[in-house]
Amino acid sequence: MNTIALPKSAYSEILKRQARVETAISKLQETVEEIAYNEIKPSILKRLEKQSRLLDAGKGIKLKNMKEYRAYVRSL
């Protein structure tokens, strides 16, 4: 494992930037969910919610492409 030495101020700035990015992503996700909620079919929404619960439980899987992803979502 490689170790990189950073000044404390640079490391602190990286952590602050990461927190801002995570907040922005969270807000973006909420906005997209609000917009898309009424446009997504209930059956697809159930599949995506199930996939989200599985990922939250640490049961994620690796897929090679969108074709595999679509097949996976259909199988839920």
PDB file of N, CA and C in Angstrom:
ATOM      1  N   MET A   1       0.834  -1.171   0.000  1.00  0.00           N
ATOM      2  CA  MET A   1       0.000   0.000   0.000  1.00  0.00           C
ATOM      3  C   MET A   1       0.883   1.239   0.000  1.00  0.00           C
ATOM      4  N   ASN A   2       0.593   2.159  -0.893  1.00  0.00           N
ATOM      5  CA  ASN A   2       1.362   3.395  -0.981  1.00  0.00           C
ATOM      6  C   ASN A   2       0.814   4.430  -0.013  1.00  0.00           C
ATOM      7  N   THR A   3       1.686   5.238   0.516  1.00  0.00           N
ATOM      8  CA  THR A   3       1.290   6.311   1.416  1.00  0.00           C
ATOM      9  C   THR A   3       1.649   7.638   0.778  1.00  0.00           C
ATOM     10  N   ILE A   4       0.698   8.565   0.810  1.00  0.00           N
ATOM     11  CA  ILE A   4       0.926   9.895   0.254  1.00  0.00           C
ATOM     12  C   ILE A   4       0.835  10.892   1.403  1.00  0.00           C
ATOM     13  N   ALA A   5       1.823  11.710   1.534  1.00  0.00           N
ATOM     14  CA  ALA A   5       1.830  12.721   2.595  1.00  0.00           C
ATOM     15  C   ALA A   5       1.232  14.012   2.057  1.00  0.00           C
ATOM     16  N   LEU A   6       0.227  14.520   2.757  1.00  0.00           N
ATOM     17  CA  LEU A   6      -0.411  15.779   2.389  1.00  0.00           C
ATOM     18  C   LEU A   6      -0.355  16.721   3.583  1.00  0.00           C
ATOM     19  N   PRO A   7      -0.262  17.994   3.311  1.00  0.00           N
ATOM     20  CA  PRO A   7      -0.390  18.932   4.422  1.00  0.00           C
ATOM     21  C   PRO A   7      -1.797  18.821   5.024  1.00  0.00           C
ATOM     22  N   LYS A   8      -1.901  19.100   6.298  1.00  0.00           N
ATOM     23  CA  LYS A   8      -3.185  18.969   6.989  1.00  0.00           C
ATOM     24  C   LYS A   8      -4.248  19.848   6.344  1.00  0.00           C
ATOM     25  N   SER A   9      -3.878  21.034   5.908  1.00  0.00           N
ATOM     26  CA  SER A   9      -4.842  21.944   5.282  1.00  0.00           C
ATOM     27  C   SER A   9      -5.366  21.375   3.961  1.00  0.00           C
ATOM     28  N   ALA A  10      -4.510  20.740   3.188  1.00  0.00           N
ATOM     29  CA  ALA A  10      -4.937  20.141   1.920  1.00  0.00           C
ATOM     30  C   ALA A  10      -5.878  18.978   2.179  1.00  0.00           C
ATOM     31  N   TYR A  11      -5.555  18.164   3.171  1.00  0.00           N
ATOM     32  CA  TYR A  11      -6.417  17.033   3.520  1.00  0.00           C
ATOM     33  C   TYR A  11      -7.771  17.525   4.005  1.00  0.00           C
ATOM     34  N   SER A  12      -7.762  18.576   4.822  1.00  0.00           N
ATOM     35  CA  SER A  12      -9.001  19.154   5.330  1.00  0.00           C
ATOM     36  C   SER A  12      -9.852  19.685   4.188  1.00  0.00           C
ATOM     37  N   GLU A  13      -9.228  20.331   3.217  1.00  0.00           N
ATOM     38  CA  GLU A  13      -9.949  20.851   2.054  1.00  0.00           C
ATOM     39  C   GLU A  13     -10.555  19.713   1.237  1.00  0.00           C
ATOM     40  N   ILE A  14      -9.850  18.619   1.093  1.00  0.00           N
ATOM     41  CA  ILE A  14     -10.369  17.455   0.367  1.00  0.00           C
ATOM     42  C   ILE A  14     -11.609  16.920   1.069  1.00  0.00           C
ATOM     43  N   LEU A  15     -11.562  16.823   2.380  1.00  0.00           N
ATOM     44  CA  LEU A  15     -12.718  16.328   3.134  1.00  0.00           C
ATOM     45  C   LEU A  15     -13.918  17.261   3.000  1.00  0.00           C
ATOM     46  N   LYS A  16     -13.670  18.570   3.054  1.00  0.00           N
ATOM     47  CA  LYS A  16     -14.757  19.538   2.888  1.00  0.00           C
ATOM     48  C   LYS A  16     -15.365  19.436   1.493  1.00  0.00           C
ATOM     49  N   ARG A  17     -14.500  19.314   0.484  1.00  0.00           N
ATOM     50  CA  ARG A  17     -14.981  19.195  -0.893  1.00  0.00           C
ATOM     51  C   ARG A  17     -15.798  17.922  -1.069  1.00  0.00           C
ATOM     52  N   GLN A  18     -15.336  16.840  -0.473  1.00  0.00           N
ATOM     53  CA  GLN A  18     -16.065  15.579  -0.563  1.00  0.00           C
ATOM     54  C   GLN A  18     -17.445  15.714   0.072  1.00  0.00           C
ATOM     55  N   ALA A  19     -17.528  16.382   1.214  1.00  0.00           N
ATOM     56  CA  ALA A  19     -18.815  16.589   1.882  1.00  0.00           C
ATOM     57  C   ALA A  19     -19.750  17.421   1.004  1.00  0.00           C
ATOM     58  N   ARG A  20     -19.220  18.464   0.352  1.00  0.00           N
ATOM     59  CA  ARG A  20     -20.042  19.297  -0.541  1.00  0.00           C
ATOM     60  C   ARG A  20     -20.532  18.487  -1.726  1.00  0.00           C
ATOM     61  N   VAL A  21     -19.676  17.655  -2.288  1.00  0.00           N
ATOM     62  CA  VAL A  21     -20.070  16.824  -3.427  1.00  0.00           C
ATOM     63  C   VAL A  21     -21.152  15.830  -3.020  1.00  0.00           C
ATOM     64  N   GLU A  22     -20.988  15.196  -1.865  1.00  0.00           N
ATOM     65  CA  GLU A  22     -21.991  14.240  -1.402  1.00  0.00           C
ATOM     66  C   GLU A  22     -23.328  14.925  -1.157  1.00  0.00           C
ATOM     67  N   THR A  23     -23.312  16.136  -0.621  1.00  0.00           N
ATOM     68  CA  THR A  23     -24.549  16.887  -0.406  1.00  0.00           C
ATOM     69  C   THR A  23     -25.202  17.223  -1.741  1.00  0.00           C
ATOM     70  N   ALA A  24     -24.398  17.674  -2.696  1.00  0.00           N
ATOM     71  CA  ALA A  24     -24.939  18.022  -4.010  1.00  0.00           C
ATOM     72  C   ALA A  24     -25.541  16.800  -4.692  1.00  0.00           C
ATOM     73  N   ILE A  25     -24.876  15.660  -4.589  1.00  0.00           N
ATOM     74  CA  ILE A  25     -25.394  14.427  -5.194  1.00  0.00           C
ATOM     75  C   ILE A  25     -26.697  14.024  -4.534  1.00  0.00           C
ATOM     76  N   SER A  26     -26.767  14.160  -3.228  1.00  0.00           N
ATOM     77  CA  SER A  26     -27.978  13.819  -2.501  1.00  0.00           C
ATOM     78  C   SER A  26     -29.149  14.700  -2.945  1.00  0.00           C
ATOM     79  N   LYS A  27     -28.906  16.004  -3.075  1.00  0.00           N
ATOM     80  CA  LYS A  27     -29.953  16.926  -3.530  1.00  0.00           C
ATOM     81  C   LYS A  27     -30.385  16.598  -4.954  1.00  0.00           C
ATOM     82  N   LEU A  28     -29.419  16.299  -5.812  1.00  0.00           N
ATOM     83  CA  LEU A  28     -29.714  15.938  -7.185  1.00  0.00           C
ATOM     84  C   LEU A  28     -30.551  14.668  -7.241  1.00  0.00           C
ATOM     85  N   GLN A  29     -30.190  13.689  -6.428  1.00  0.00           N
ATOM     86  CA  GLN A  29     -30.934  12.436  -6.385  1.00  0.00           C
ATOM     87  C   GLN A  29     -32.376  12.683  -5.949  1.00  0.00           C
ATOM     88  N   GLU A  30     -32.570  13.498  -4.933  1.00  0.00           N
ATOM     89  CA  GLU A  30     -33.921  13.804  -4.471  1.00  0.00           C
ATOM     90  C   GLU A  30     -34.725  14.502  -5.559  1.00  0.00           C
ATOM     91  N   THR A  31     -34.105  15.431  -6.270  1.00  0.00           N
ATOM     92  CA  THR A  31     -34.791  16.156  -7.330  1.00  0.00           C
ATOM     93  C   THR A  31     -35.199  15.218  -8.461  1.00  0.00           C
ATOM     94  N   VAL A  32     -34.280  14.364  -8.870  1.00  0.00           N
ATOM     95  CA  VAL A  32     -34.576  13.408  -9.936  1.00  0.00           C
ATOM     96  C   VAL A  32     -35.689  12.457  -9.509  1.00  0.00           C
ATOM     97  N   GLU A  33     -35.642  12.003  -8.269  1.00  0.00           N
ATOM     98  CA  GLU A  33     -36.686  11.110  -7.779  1.00  0.00           C
ATOM     99  C   GLU A  33     -38.045  11.794  -7.801  1.00  0.00           C
ATOM    100  N   GLU A  34     -38.112  13.062  -7.408  1.00  0.00           N
ATOM    101  CA  GLU A  34     -39.373  13.794  -7.419  1.00  0.00           C
ATOM    102  C   GLU A  34     -39.905  13.944  -8.838  1.00  0.00           C
ATOM    103  N   ILE A  35     -39.025  14.275  -9.769  1.00  0.00           N
ATOM    104  CA  ILE A  35     -39.444  14.465 -11.157  1.00  0.00           C
ATOM    105  C   ILE A  35     -39.881  13.145 -11.782  1.00  0.00           C
ATOM    106  N   ALA A  36     -39.097  12.110 -11.550  1.00  0.00           N
ATOM    107  CA  ALA A  36     -39.336  10.834 -12.220  1.00  0.00           C
ATOM    108  C   ALA A  36     -40.400   9.976 -11.545  1.00  0.00           C
ATOM    109  N   TYR A  37     -40.738  10.281 -10.306  1.00  0.00           N
ATOM    110  CA  TYR A  37     -41.651   9.406  -9.561  1.00  0.00           C
ATOM    111  C   TYR A  37     -42.973   9.212 -10.290  1.00  0.00           C
ATOM    112  N   ASN A  38     -43.523  10.296 -10.839  1.00  0.00           N
ATOM    113  CA  ASN A  38     -44.806  10.202 -11.532  1.00  0.00           C
ATOM    114  C   ASN A  38     -44.682   9.676 -12.954  1.00  0.00           C
ATOM    115  N   GLU A  39     -43.457   9.592 -13.466  1.00  0.00           N
ATOM    116  CA  GLU A  39     -43.251   9.158 -14.838  1.00  0.00           C
ATOM    117  C   GLU A  39     -42.836   7.692 -14.954  1.00  0.00           C
ATOM    118  N   ILE A  40     -42.509   7.068 -13.834  1.00  0.00           N
ATOM    119  CA  ILE A  40     -42.066   5.680 -13.849  1.00  0.00           C
ATOM    120  C   ILE A  40     -43.244   4.770 -13.528  1.00  0.00           C
ATOM    121  N   LYS A  41     -43.363   3.697 -14.278  1.00  0.00           N
ATOM    122  CA  LYS A  41     -44.429   2.734 -14.024  1.00  0.00           C
ATOM    123  C   LYS A  41     -44.247   2.133 -12.628  1.00  0.00           C
ATOM    124  N   PRO A  42     -45.353   1.873 -11.927  1.00  0.00           N
ATOM    125  CA  PRO A  42     -45.263   1.303 -10.578  1.00  0.00           C
ATOM    126  C   PRO A  42     -44.476  -0.010 -10.522  1.00  0.00           C
ATOM    127  N   SER A  43     -44.594  -0.850 -11.540  1.00  0.00           N
ATOM    128  CA  SER A  43     -43.876  -2.124 -11.531  1.00  0.00           C
ATOM    129  C   SER A  43     -42.363  -1.900 -11.592  1.00  0.00           C
ATOM    130  N   ILE A  44     -41.927  -0.954 -12.395  1.00  0.00           N
ATOM    131  CA  ILE A  44     -40.503  -0.655 -12.498  1.00  0.00           C
ATOM    132  C   ILE A  44     -40.019  -0.002 -11.208  1.00  0.00           C
ATOM    133  N   LEU A  45     -40.844   0.859 -10.626  1.00  0.00           N
ATOM    134  CA  LEU A  45     -40.481   1.501  -9.375  1.00  0.00           C
ATOM    135  C   LEU A  45     -40.273   0.472  -8.272  1.00  0.00           C
ATOM    136  N   LYS A  46     -41.115  -0.553  -8.218  1.00  0.00           N
ATOM    137  CA  LYS A  46     -40.953  -1.613  -7.217  1.00  0.00           C
ATOM    138  C   LYS A  46     -39.630  -2.348  -7.407  1.00  0.00           C
ATOM    139  N   ARG A  47     -39.284  -2.629  -8.651  1.00  0.00           N
ATOM    140  CA  ARG A  47     -38.023  -3.322  -8.932  1.00  0.00           C
ATOM    141  C   ARG A  47     -36.825  -2.483  -8.504  1.00  0.00           C
ATOM    142  N   LEU A  48     -36.875  -1.189  -8.817  1.00  0.00           N
ATOM    143  CA  LEU A  48     -35.766  -0.315  -8.451  1.00  0.00           C
ATOM    144  C   LEU A  48     -35.653  -0.159  -6.935  1.00  0.00           C
ATOM    145  N   GLU A  49     -36.795  -0.095  -6.249  1.00  0.00           N
ATOM    146  CA  GLU A  49     -36.763  -0.009  -4.788  1.00  0.00           C
ATOM    147  C   GLU A  49     -36.186  -1.283  -4.183  1.00  0.00           C
ATOM    148  N   LYS A  50     -36.526  -2.431  -4.761  1.00  0.00           N
ATOM    149  CA  LYS A  50     -35.971  -3.693  -4.264  1.00  0.00           C
ATOM    150  C   LYS A  50     -34.462  -3.721  -4.480  1.00  0.00           C
ATOM    151  N   GLN A  51     -34.029  -3.266  -5.652  1.00  0.00           N
ATOM    152  CA  GLN A  51     -32.594  -3.221  -5.934  1.00  0.00           C
ATOM    153  C   GLN A  51     -31.897  -2.287  -4.955  1.00  0.00           C
ATOM    154  N   SER A  52     -32.506  -1.164  -4.642  1.00  0.00           N
ATOM    155  CA  SER A  52     -31.926  -0.221  -3.688  1.00  0.00           C
ATOM    156  C   SER A  52     -31.803  -0.854  -2.302  1.00  0.00           C
ATOM    157  N   ARG A  53     -32.820  -1.586  -1.870  1.00  0.00           N
ATOM    158  CA  ARG A  53     -32.753  -2.256  -0.566  1.00  0.00           C
ATOM    159  C   ARG A  53     -31.636  -3.285  -0.541  1.00  0.00           C
ATOM    160  N   LEU A  54     -31.472  -4.028  -1.629  1.00  0.00           N
ATOM    161  CA  LEU A  54     -30.405  -5.031  -1.702  1.00  0.00           C
ATOM    162  C   LEU A  54     -29.028  -4.367  -1.626  1.00  0.00           C
ATOM    163  N   LEU A  55     -28.866  -3.252  -2.329  1.00  0.00           N
ATOM    164  CA  LEU A  55     -27.586  -2.539  -2.288  1.00  0.00           C
ATOM    165  C   LEU A  55     -27.318  -1.984  -0.898  1.00  0.00           C
ATOM    166  N   ASP A  56     -28.364  -1.460  -0.249  1.00  0.00           N
ATOM    167  CA  ASP A  56     -28.199  -0.948   1.112  1.00  0.00           C
ATOM    168  C   ASP A  56     -27.799  -2.058   2.078  1.00  0.00           C
ATOM    169  N   ALA A  57     -28.246  -3.270   1.797  1.00  0.00           N
ATOM    170  CA  ALA A  57     -27.915  -4.412   2.654  1.00  0.00           C
ATOM    171  C   ALA A  57     -26.547  -4.995   2.308  1.00  0.00           C
ATOM    172  N   GLY A  58     -25.859  -4.395   1.329  1.00  0.00           N
ATOM    173  CA  GLY A  58     -24.527  -4.870   0.959  1.00  0.00           C
ATOM    174  C   GLY A  58     -24.546  -6.065   0.021  1.00  0.00           C
ATOM    175  N   LYS A  59     -25.648  -6.245  -0.676  1.00  0.00           N
ATOM    176  CA  LYS A  59     -25.772  -7.388  -1.584  1.00  0.00           C
ATOM    177  C   LYS A  59     -25.727  -6.921  -3.042  1.00  0.00           C
ATOM    178  N   GLY A  60     -24.766  -6.072  -3.346  1.00  0.00           N
ATOM    179  CA  GLY A  60     -24.617  -5.591  -4.705  1.00  0.00           C
ATOM    180  C   GLY A  60     -23.962  -6.637  -5.596  1.00  0.00           C
ATOM    181  N   ILE A  61     -24.144  -6.477  -6.885  1.00  0.00           N
ATOM    182  CA  ILE A  61     -23.513  -7.384  -7.843  1.00  0.00           C
ATOM    183  C   ILE A  61     -22.817  -6.548  -8.913  1.00  0.00           C
ATOM    184  N   LYS A  62     -21.860  -7.142  -9.590  1.00  0.00           N
ATOM    185  CA  LYS A  62     -21.170  -6.477 -10.682  1.00  0.00           C
ATOM    186  C   LYS A  62     -21.756  -6.954 -11.998  1.00  0.00           C
ATOM    187  N   LEU A  63     -22.036  -6.014 -12.871  1.00  0.00           N
ATOM    188  CA  LEU A  63     -22.594  -6.326 -14.182  1.00  0.00           C
ATOM    189  C   LEU A  63     -21.667  -5.743 -15.251  1.00  0.00           C
ATOM    190  N   LYS A  64     -21.604  -6.419 -16.380  1.00  0.00           N
ATOM    191  CA  LYS A  64     -20.671  -6.001 -17.426  1.00  0.00           C
ATOM    192  C   LYS A  64     -21.229  -4.906 -18.324  1.00  0.00           C
ATOM    193  N   ASN A  65     -22.553  -4.908 -18.556  1.00  0.00           N
ATOM    194  CA  ASN A  65     -23.123  -3.935 -19.476  1.00  0.00           C
ATOM    195  C   ASN A  65     -24.606  -3.705 -19.172  1.00  0.00           C
ATOM    196  N   MET A  66     -25.225  -2.806 -19.935  1.00  0.00           N
ATOM    197  CA  MET A  66     -26.632  -2.468 -19.705  1.00  0.00           C
ATOM    198  C   MET A  66     -27.558  -3.651 -19.973  1.00  0.00           C
ATOM    199  N   LYS A  67     -27.181  -4.506 -20.898  1.00  0.00           N
ATOM    200  CA  LYS A  67     -28.014  -5.669 -21.204  1.00  0.00           C
ATOM    201  C   LYS A  67     -28.132  -6.566 -19.960  1.00  0.00           C
ATOM    202  N   GLU A  68     -27.009  -6.808 -19.306  1.00  0.00           N
ATOM    203  CA  GLU A  68     -27.038  -7.607 -18.081  1.00  0.00           C
ATOM    204  C   GLU A  68     -27.830  -6.893 -16.986  1.00  0.00           C
ATOM    205  N   TYR A  69     -27.688  -5.557 -16.908  1.00  0.00           N
ATOM    206  CA  TYR A  69     -28.422  -4.793 -15.900  1.00  0.00           C
ATOM    207  C   TYR A  69     -29.927  -4.914 -16.133  1.00  0.00           C
ATOM    208  N   ARG A  70     -30.358  -4.748 -17.356  1.00  0.00           N
ATOM    209  CA  ARG A  70     -31.797  -4.847 -17.655  1.00  0.00           C
ATOM    210  C   ARG A  70     -32.327  -6.237 -17.322  1.00  0.00           C
ATOM    211  N   ALA A  71     -31.562  -7.271 -17.652  1.00  0.00           N
ATOM    212  CA  ALA A  71     -31.979  -8.631 -17.328  1.00  0.00           C
ATOM    213  C   ALA A  71     -32.065  -8.817 -15.830  1.00  0.00           C
ATOM    214  N   TYR A  72     -31.115  -8.241 -15.107  1.00  0.00           N
ATOM    215  CA  TYR A  72     -31.110  -8.347 -13.646  1.00  0.00           C
ATOM    216  C   TYR A  72     -32.337  -7.662 -13.052  1.00  0.00           C
ATOM    217  N   VAL A  73     -32.635  -6.459 -13.518  1.00  0.00           N
ATOM    218  CA  VAL A  73     -33.785  -5.719 -12.989  1.00  0.00           C
ATOM    219  C   VAL A  73     -35.079  -6.441 -13.316  1.00  0.00           C
ATOM    220  N   ARG A  74     -35.167  -7.012 -14.500  1.00  0.00           N
ATOM    221  CA  ARG A  74     -36.388  -7.775 -14.858  1.00  0.00           C
ATOM    222  C   ARG A  74     -36.571  -9.002 -13.985  1.00  0.00           C
ATOM    223  N   SER A  75     -35.465  -9.558 -13.498  1.00  0.00           N
ATOM    224  CA  SER A  75     -35.558 -10.774 -12.695  1.00  0.00           C
ATOM    225  C   SER A  75     -35.950 -10.494 -11.245  1.00  0.00           C
ATOM    226  N   LEU A  76     -35.936  -9.230 -10.842  1.00  0.00           N
ATOM    227  CA  LEU A  76     -36.294  -8.897  -9.452  1.00  0.00           C
ATOM    228  C   LEU A  76     -37.776  -9.098  -9.190  1.00  0.00           C
TER     229      LEU A  76
END
